[in-house]
Amino acid sequence: MSAHRRPLPGLADVHDAIDRLTAETGRSPSVLALATRLGLANTTFRRNFPGICTELSDTPGTAGGTAAADAYGKVKADNARLRRDNRDLAEQLELAIAAIQRLTIDNDRLQTALHDARAVTPLPRRPRC
């Protein structure tokens, strides 16, 4: 055995972690999330707390499919909104690119006109009397 082995949390600590995670997320935590919160490897947690693992794996099924359906519907709606936003942003980007190209052409013409205007040969001034 390793000398760096950490002691396992007690049942009260595990239940407190479950309560905190449930309060934070609004639903029963997964076994992996609970093990991570407690600083344990998933397999170590499953090996030492099989009853709690069974409770947690049974909970999502008994919590009702409506929560999962609502979550799926929300993800689906968010995905549709993000696709619309992405399409709108792509259109705006194309318009911005076209505007930049047009401004580049106008700038080149103005630079050429300025260069031509400066290339005018100045007339000698009349001396003042």
N, C-alpha and C. Protein backbone atom coordinates (compact mmCIF):
# COMPACT_ATOMS: atom_id res chain seq x y z
N MET A 1 0.83 -1.18 0.00
CA MET A 1 0.00 0.00 0.00
C MET A 1 0.88 1.25 0.00
N SER A 2 0.32 2.29 -0.57
CA SER A 2 1.04 3.55 -0.68
C SER A 2 0.92 4.34 0.62
N ALA A 3 1.99 5.04 0.96
CA ALA A 3 1.99 5.84 2.18
C ALA A 3 1.22 7.15 1.97
N HIS A 4 0.90 7.50 0.69
CA HIS A 4 0.22 8.76 0.39
C HIS A 4 -1.29 8.59 0.27
N ARG A 5 -1.81 7.51 0.70
CA ARG A 5 -3.23 7.23 0.56
C ARG A 5 -4.05 8.15 1.46
N ARG A 6 -5.08 8.76 0.88
CA ARG A 6 -5.94 9.66 1.64
C ARG A 6 -7.05 8.85 2.29
N PRO A 7 -7.49 9.27 3.46
CA PRO A 7 -8.60 8.55 4.09
C PRO A 7 -9.89 8.80 3.32
N LEU A 8 -10.75 7.80 3.32
CA LEU A 8 -12.04 7.92 2.65
C LEU A 8 -12.97 8.82 3.46
N PRO A 9 -13.84 9.54 2.79
CA PRO A 9 -14.80 10.36 3.52
C PRO A 9 -15.84 9.46 4.18
N GLY A 10 -16.45 9.97 5.22
CA GLY A 10 -17.50 9.23 5.89
C GLY A 10 -18.82 9.38 5.15
N LEU A 11 -19.81 8.59 5.55
CA LEU A 11 -21.12 8.66 4.91
C LEU A 11 -21.75 10.03 5.05
N ALA A 12 -21.55 10.65 6.20
CA ALA A 12 -22.10 11.99 6.40
C ALA A 12 -21.49 12.98 5.40
N ASP A 13 -20.18 12.87 5.17
CA ASP A 13 -19.51 13.74 4.21
C ASP A 13 -20.05 13.50 2.80
N VAL A 14 -20.28 12.24 2.46
CA VAL A 14 -20.79 11.90 1.14
C VAL A 14 -22.20 12.48 0.97
N HIS A 15 -23.05 12.32 1.97
CA HIS A 15 -24.41 12.85 1.88
C HIS A 15 -24.41 14.38 1.84
N ASP A 16 -23.49 15.01 2.57
CA ASP A 16 -23.38 16.47 2.50
C ASP A 16 -22.98 16.91 1.09
N ALA A 17 -22.04 16.18 0.49
CA ALA A 17 -21.61 16.50 -0.88
C ALA A 17 -22.77 16.32 -1.86
N ILE A 18 -23.56 15.28 -1.67
CA ILE A 18 -24.73 15.06 -2.53
C ILE A 18 -25.69 16.24 -2.39
N ASP A 19 -25.95 16.66 -1.15
CA ASP A 19 -26.86 17.78 -0.92
C ASP A 19 -26.35 19.07 -1.56
N ARG A 20 -25.05 19.33 -1.43
CA ARG A 20 -24.47 20.55 -2.02
C ARG A 20 -24.56 20.52 -3.54
N LEU A 21 -24.21 19.37 -4.14
CA LEU A 21 -24.28 19.27 -5.60
C LEU A 21 -25.71 19.39 -6.09
N THR A 22 -26.64 18.79 -5.37
CA THR A 22 -28.06 18.89 -5.75
C THR A 22 -28.52 20.33 -5.67
N ALA A 23 -28.11 21.05 -4.63
CA ALA A 23 -28.49 22.45 -4.48
C ALA A 23 -27.88 23.31 -5.59
N GLU A 24 -26.65 22.99 -5.99
CA GLU A 24 -25.97 23.78 -7.02
C GLU A 24 -26.56 23.56 -8.40
N THR A 25 -26.87 22.31 -8.71
CA THR A 25 -27.31 21.97 -10.08
C THR A 25 -28.81 21.84 -10.22
N GLY A 26 -29.51 21.65 -9.11
CA GLY A 26 -30.95 21.48 -9.19
C GLY A 26 -31.39 20.07 -9.54
N ARG A 27 -30.46 19.15 -9.56
CA ARG A 27 -30.79 17.75 -9.86
C ARG A 27 -29.81 16.85 -9.13
N SER A 28 -30.12 15.58 -9.12
CA SER A 28 -29.27 14.62 -8.43
C SER A 28 -27.93 14.50 -9.17
N PRO A 29 -26.81 14.51 -8.45
CA PRO A 29 -25.51 14.47 -9.13
C PRO A 29 -25.21 13.09 -9.69
N SER A 30 -24.32 13.06 -10.66
CA SER A 30 -23.84 11.77 -11.17
C SER A 30 -22.80 11.23 -10.20
N VAL A 31 -22.53 9.95 -10.32
CA VAL A 31 -21.53 9.32 -9.46
C VAL A 31 -20.17 9.94 -9.73
N LEU A 32 -19.87 10.21 -10.99
CA LEU A 32 -18.58 10.80 -11.34
C LEU A 32 -18.44 12.21 -10.74
N ALA A 33 -19.50 13.00 -10.81
CA ALA A 33 -19.44 14.35 -10.25
C ALA A 33 -19.25 14.29 -8.74
N LEU A 34 -19.93 13.36 -8.09
CA LEU A 34 -19.79 13.22 -6.64
C LEU A 34 -18.39 12.77 -6.27
N ALA A 35 -17.86 11.79 -6.99
CA ALA A 35 -16.51 11.30 -6.71
C ALA A 35 -15.49 12.42 -6.91
N THR A 36 -15.67 13.20 -7.96
CA THR A 36 -14.76 14.31 -8.23
C THR A 36 -14.84 15.34 -7.12
N ARG A 37 -16.05 15.65 -6.66
CA ARG A 37 -16.23 16.62 -5.58
C ARG A 37 -15.53 16.16 -4.31
N LEU A 38 -15.54 14.85 -4.07
CA LEU A 38 -14.91 14.31 -2.87
C LEU A 38 -13.42 14.06 -3.04
N GLY A 39 -12.90 14.29 -4.24
CA GLY A 39 -11.47 14.10 -4.48
C GLY A 39 -11.08 12.64 -4.63
N LEU A 40 -12.02 11.82 -5.08
CA LEU A 40 -11.76 10.39 -5.25
C LEU A 40 -11.85 10.01 -6.72
N ALA A 41 -11.17 8.95 -7.08
CA ALA A 41 -11.33 8.39 -8.41
C ALA A 41 -12.71 7.75 -8.48
N ASN A 42 -13.28 7.73 -9.66
CA ASN A 42 -14.60 7.17 -9.85
C ASN A 42 -14.66 5.71 -9.38
N THR A 43 -13.67 4.91 -9.76
CA THR A 43 -13.68 3.49 -9.38
C THR A 43 -13.51 3.32 -7.87
N THR A 44 -12.71 4.16 -7.26
CA THR A 44 -12.53 4.09 -5.81
C THR A 44 -13.85 4.40 -5.11
N PHE A 45 -14.53 5.41 -5.58
CA PHE A 45 -15.82 5.76 -4.98
C PHE A 45 -16.82 4.61 -5.17
N ARG A 46 -16.90 4.07 -6.37
CA ARG A 46 -17.85 2.97 -6.64
C ARG A 46 -17.53 1.74 -5.79
N ARG A 47 -16.26 1.47 -5.61
CA ARG A 47 -15.85 0.30 -4.82
C ARG A 47 -16.21 0.45 -3.35
N ASN A 48 -16.09 1.65 -2.81
CA ASN A 48 -16.28 1.86 -1.39
C ASN A 48 -17.69 2.31 -1.00
N PHE A 49 -18.47 2.82 -1.97
CA PHE A 49 -19.82 3.28 -1.67
C PHE A 49 -20.82 2.73 -2.70
N PRO A 50 -20.94 1.40 -2.81
CA PRO A 50 -21.82 0.83 -3.83
C PRO A 50 -23.30 1.17 -3.61
N GLY A 51 -23.71 1.29 -2.36
CA GLY A 51 -25.11 1.62 -2.08
C GLY A 51 -25.48 3.01 -2.57
N ILE A 52 -24.60 3.95 -2.34
CA ILE A 52 -24.86 5.32 -2.79
C ILE A 52 -24.85 5.38 -4.31
N CYS A 53 -23.95 4.61 -4.93
CA CYS A 53 -23.91 4.56 -6.39
C CYS A 53 -25.23 4.03 -6.94
N THR A 54 -25.77 3.02 -6.30
CA THR A 54 -27.05 2.46 -6.73
C THR A 54 -28.16 3.49 -6.58
N GLU A 55 -28.17 4.19 -5.44
CA GLU A 55 -29.18 5.22 -5.21
C GLU A 55 -29.10 6.31 -6.29
N LEU A 56 -27.88 6.76 -6.57
CA LEU A 56 -27.71 7.83 -7.55
C LEU A 56 -28.08 7.38 -8.95
N SER A 57 -27.76 6.14 -9.30
CA SER A 57 -28.09 5.68 -10.64
C SER A 57 -29.58 5.43 -10.80
N ASP A 58 -30.29 5.13 -9.69
CA ASP A 58 -31.73 4.94 -9.75
C ASP A 58 -32.47 6.27 -9.76
N THR A 59 -31.90 7.31 -9.18
CA THR A 59 -32.59 8.58 -9.01
C THR A 59 -32.98 9.24 -10.33
N PRO A 60 -32.10 9.32 -11.34
CA PRO A 60 -32.52 10.01 -12.56
C PRO A 60 -33.73 9.35 -13.21
N GLY A 61 -33.85 8.03 -13.15
CA GLY A 61 -34.99 7.36 -13.74
C GLY A 61 -36.27 7.65 -12.99
N THR A 62 -36.20 7.79 -11.69
CA THR A 62 -37.40 8.05 -10.90
C THR A 62 -37.72 9.53 -10.84
N ALA A 63 -36.79 10.37 -11.21
CA ALA A 63 -37.04 11.81 -11.16
C ALA A 63 -38.02 12.22 -12.25
N GLY A 64 -38.25 11.34 -13.19
CA GLY A 64 -39.21 11.64 -14.26
C GLY A 64 -38.52 12.03 -15.52
N GLY A 65 -39.12 11.63 -16.63
CA GLY A 65 -38.54 11.94 -17.92
C GLY A 65 -38.83 13.37 -18.35
N THR A 66 -39.74 14.05 -17.67
CA THR A 66 -40.07 15.40 -18.09
C THR A 66 -38.89 16.35 -17.91
N ALA A 67 -38.12 16.16 -16.87
CA ALA A 67 -36.95 17.03 -16.67
C ALA A 67 -35.96 16.82 -17.81
N ALA A 68 -35.75 15.57 -18.18
CA ALA A 68 -34.84 15.28 -19.29
C ALA A 68 -35.40 15.82 -20.60
N ALA A 69 -36.72 15.67 -20.79
CA ALA A 69 -37.34 16.19 -22.00
C ALA A 69 -37.26 17.71 -22.05
N ASP A 70 -37.48 18.36 -20.89
CA ASP A 70 -37.36 19.81 -20.83
C ASP A 70 -35.94 20.26 -21.14
N ALA A 71 -34.97 19.54 -20.57
CA ALA A 71 -33.56 19.88 -20.83
C ALA A 71 -33.23 19.68 -22.30
N TYR A 72 -33.74 18.59 -22.89
CA TYR A 72 -33.49 18.33 -24.31
C TYR A 72 -34.13 19.42 -25.17
N GLY A 73 -35.35 19.80 -24.81
CA GLY A 73 -36.03 20.86 -25.55
C GLY A 73 -35.30 22.18 -25.46
N LYS A 74 -34.76 22.47 -24.27
CA LYS A 74 -34.00 23.71 -24.10
C LYS A 74 -32.72 23.68 -24.93
N VAL A 75 -32.04 22.54 -24.92
CA VAL A 75 -30.81 22.42 -25.71
C VAL A 75 -31.13 22.55 -27.20
N LYS A 76 -32.24 21.94 -27.61
CA LYS A 76 -32.64 22.00 -29.01
C LYS A 76 -32.97 23.45 -29.41
N ALA A 77 -33.70 24.16 -28.55
CA ALA A 77 -34.03 25.56 -28.83
C ALA A 77 -32.78 26.42 -28.84
N ASP A 78 -31.88 26.20 -27.89
CA ASP A 78 -30.63 26.95 -27.86
C ASP A 78 -29.81 26.69 -29.12
N ASN A 79 -29.79 25.45 -29.55
CA ASN A 79 -29.04 25.08 -30.76
C ASN A 79 -29.62 25.79 -31.97
N ALA A 80 -30.95 25.83 -32.08
CA ALA A 80 -31.59 26.51 -33.21
C ALA A 80 -31.28 28.01 -33.17
N ARG A 81 -31.33 28.60 -31.96
CA ARG A 81 -31.01 30.02 -31.83
C ARG A 81 -29.57 30.30 -32.23
N LEU A 82 -28.66 29.44 -31.78
CA LEU A 82 -27.24 29.62 -32.12
C LEU A 82 -27.00 29.48 -33.61
N ARG A 83 -27.71 28.55 -34.26
CA ARG A 83 -27.58 28.40 -35.72
C ARG A 83 -28.06 29.67 -36.43
N ARG A 84 -29.21 30.24 -35.98
CA ARG A 84 -29.71 31.48 -36.58
C ARG A 84 -28.70 32.62 -36.36
N ASP A 85 -28.20 32.73 -35.14
CA ASP A 85 -27.23 33.78 -34.84
C ASP A 85 -25.97 33.62 -35.70
N ASN A 86 -25.53 32.38 -35.86
CA ASN A 86 -24.34 32.10 -36.66
C ASN A 86 -24.58 32.50 -38.12
N ARG A 87 -25.77 32.16 -38.65
CA ARG A 87 -26.10 32.52 -40.02
C ARG A 87 -26.15 34.04 -40.18
N ASP A 88 -26.77 34.73 -39.22
CA ASP A 88 -26.83 36.19 -39.27
C ASP A 88 -25.43 36.81 -39.22
N LEU A 89 -24.60 36.29 -38.35
CA LEU A 89 -23.24 36.82 -38.24
C LEU A 89 -22.43 36.56 -39.51
N ALA A 90 -22.65 35.41 -40.15
CA ALA A 90 -21.95 35.12 -41.40
C ALA A 90 -22.37 36.10 -42.49
N GLU A 91 -23.68 36.44 -42.53
CA GLU A 91 -24.16 37.43 -43.50
C GLU A 91 -23.55 38.80 -43.23
N GLN A 92 -23.51 39.18 -41.96
CA GLN A 92 -22.93 40.47 -41.59
C GLN A 92 -21.44 40.52 -41.93
N LEU A 93 -20.77 39.39 -41.75
CA LEU A 93 -19.34 39.34 -42.08
C LEU A 93 -19.13 39.52 -43.58
N GLU A 94 -19.99 38.89 -44.39
CA GLU A 94 -19.87 39.05 -45.84
C GLU A 94 -20.10 40.50 -46.24
N LEU A 95 -21.09 41.16 -45.62
CA LEU A 95 -21.34 42.58 -45.91
C LEU A 95 -20.15 43.44 -45.51
N ALA A 96 -19.55 43.13 -44.35
CA ALA A 96 -18.39 43.90 -43.89
C ALA A 96 -17.21 43.70 -44.84
N ILE A 97 -17.03 42.49 -45.32
CA ILE A 97 -15.93 42.23 -46.27
C ILE A 97 -16.15 43.02 -47.55
N ALA A 98 -17.39 43.03 -48.05
CA ALA A 98 -17.69 43.79 -49.27
C ALA A 98 -17.45 45.28 -49.05
N ALA A 99 -17.84 45.80 -47.88
CA ALA A 99 -17.62 47.22 -47.58
C ALA A 99 -16.14 47.54 -47.52
N ILE A 100 -15.36 46.66 -46.92
CA ILE A 100 -13.91 46.88 -46.84
C ILE A 100 -13.29 46.86 -48.23
N GLN A 101 -13.75 45.93 -49.08
CA GLN A 101 -13.22 45.88 -50.44
C GLN A 101 -13.55 47.16 -51.19
N ARG A 102 -14.79 47.65 -51.02
CA ARG A 102 -15.19 48.89 -51.70
C ARG A 102 -14.38 50.07 -51.18
N LEU A 103 -14.18 50.15 -49.88
CA LEU A 103 -13.38 51.24 -49.31
C LEU A 103 -11.93 51.17 -49.78
N THR A 104 -11.42 49.98 -49.96
CA THR A 104 -10.05 49.82 -50.45
C THR A 104 -9.93 50.36 -51.87
N ILE A 105 -10.92 50.06 -52.71
CA ILE A 105 -10.90 50.57 -54.09
C ILE A 105 -11.01 52.09 -54.09
N ASP A 106 -11.94 52.64 -53.27
CA ASP A 106 -12.09 54.09 -53.18
C ASP A 106 -10.81 54.75 -52.68
N ASN A 107 -10.18 54.16 -51.69
CA ASN A 107 -8.93 54.70 -51.15
C ASN A 107 -7.85 54.72 -52.22
N ASP A 108 -7.76 53.67 -53.00
CA ASP A 108 -6.75 53.61 -54.05
C ASP A 108 -6.99 54.71 -55.08
N ARG A 109 -8.26 54.92 -55.45
CA ARG A 109 -8.58 55.97 -56.42
C ARG A 109 -8.24 57.35 -55.85
N LEU A 110 -8.58 57.58 -54.59
CA LEU A 110 -8.26 58.87 -53.97
C LEU A 110 -6.76 59.09 -53.86
N GLN A 111 -6.03 58.04 -53.53
CA GLN A 111 -4.57 58.16 -53.45
C GLN A 111 -3.99 58.50 -54.82
N THR A 112 -4.53 57.87 -55.85
CA THR A 112 -4.06 58.14 -57.22
C THR A 112 -4.39 59.59 -57.60
N ALA A 113 -5.59 60.05 -57.28
CA ALA A 113 -5.98 61.43 -57.59
C ALA A 113 -5.09 62.42 -56.85
N LEU A 114 -4.79 62.14 -55.60
CA LEU A 114 -3.91 63.02 -54.82
C LEU A 114 -2.52 63.05 -55.42
N HIS A 115 -2.01 61.91 -55.83
CA HIS A 115 -0.68 61.84 -56.44
C HIS A 115 -0.66 62.64 -57.74
N ASP A 116 -1.73 62.48 -58.53
CA ASP A 116 -1.80 63.22 -59.80
C ASP A 116 -1.89 64.72 -59.54
N ALA A 117 -2.63 65.12 -58.51
CA ALA A 117 -2.78 66.54 -58.20
C ALA A 117 -1.46 67.14 -57.74
N ARG A 118 -0.65 66.38 -57.07
CA ARG A 118 0.64 66.89 -56.60
C ARG A 118 1.66 66.91 -57.73
N ALA A 119 1.42 66.20 -58.79
CA ALA A 119 2.37 66.14 -59.90
C ALA A 119 2.21 67.32 -60.86
N VAL A 120 1.32 68.27 -60.55
CA VAL A 120 1.14 69.45 -61.39
C VAL A 120 2.38 70.33 -61.27
N THR A 121 2.84 70.76 -62.39
CA THR A 121 4.03 71.61 -62.38
C THR A 121 3.63 73.02 -61.94
N PRO A 122 4.29 73.52 -60.90
CA PRO A 122 3.92 74.86 -60.44
C PRO A 122 4.43 75.94 -61.41
N LEU A 123 3.66 77.00 -61.58
CA LEU A 123 4.07 78.12 -62.43
C LEU A 123 4.97 79.05 -61.62
N PRO A 124 5.94 79.64 -62.29
CA PRO A 124 6.80 80.57 -61.54
C PRO A 124 6.00 81.79 -61.10
N ARG A 125 6.31 82.28 -59.96
CA ARG A 125 5.62 83.46 -59.41
C ARG A 125 6.19 84.73 -60.04
N ARG A 126 5.32 85.67 -60.15
CA ARG A 126 5.76 86.96 -60.65
C ARG A 126 6.48 87.70 -59.53
N PRO A 127 7.54 88.29 -59.83
CA PRO A 127 8.22 89.05 -58.79
C PRO A 127 7.39 90.26 -58.36
N ARG A 128 7.42 90.54 -57.13
CA ARG A 128 6.68 91.71 -56.61
C ARG A 128 7.49 92.96 -56.81
N CYS A 129 6.83 93.97 -57.09
CA CYS A 129 7.53 95.21 -57.31
C CYS A 129 7.58 96.07 -56.10
